[in-house]
């Protein structure tokens, strides 16, 4: 299983962000260098039903991508939470996975979740779980 690397501070920040909004899908971008995620860029969930879906508004997505480039980082992942279900890709997540070269992190905000953070490669309509190496 291929593993994606993420710094401990970024992992904790991402998990904390999701747990701060346990009833809505939180979302954001993950960036870094040399295949290691070093920063999260939180985004506002612009979906019409944020308890069931997530969407980053195009204007905010463009702004965040500019911030990533200005910091001389590259987009390595996208994260969102599943407050009401399993943290695995839904059919909608797979359908809307427009960045096949990034890792999709899906997080459960539930305190008792056995594996609260999971990552997937989503390409050509198929999701494959990735290992997560926290460094």
Foldseek 3Di string as FASTA:
>chain_A
DAEQEEAPVQVVVVLVVCLVPLQFKWKWFFKAPPRYTYHTDTADFPDPGRSADGDGDPVVVVVVCVVCVVVVIDTAEMEIENNPDDQDDDQVNLVPPPDQRHKYWYAYSDPPDPDGIWIWRRDPSDTDTHHYHHD
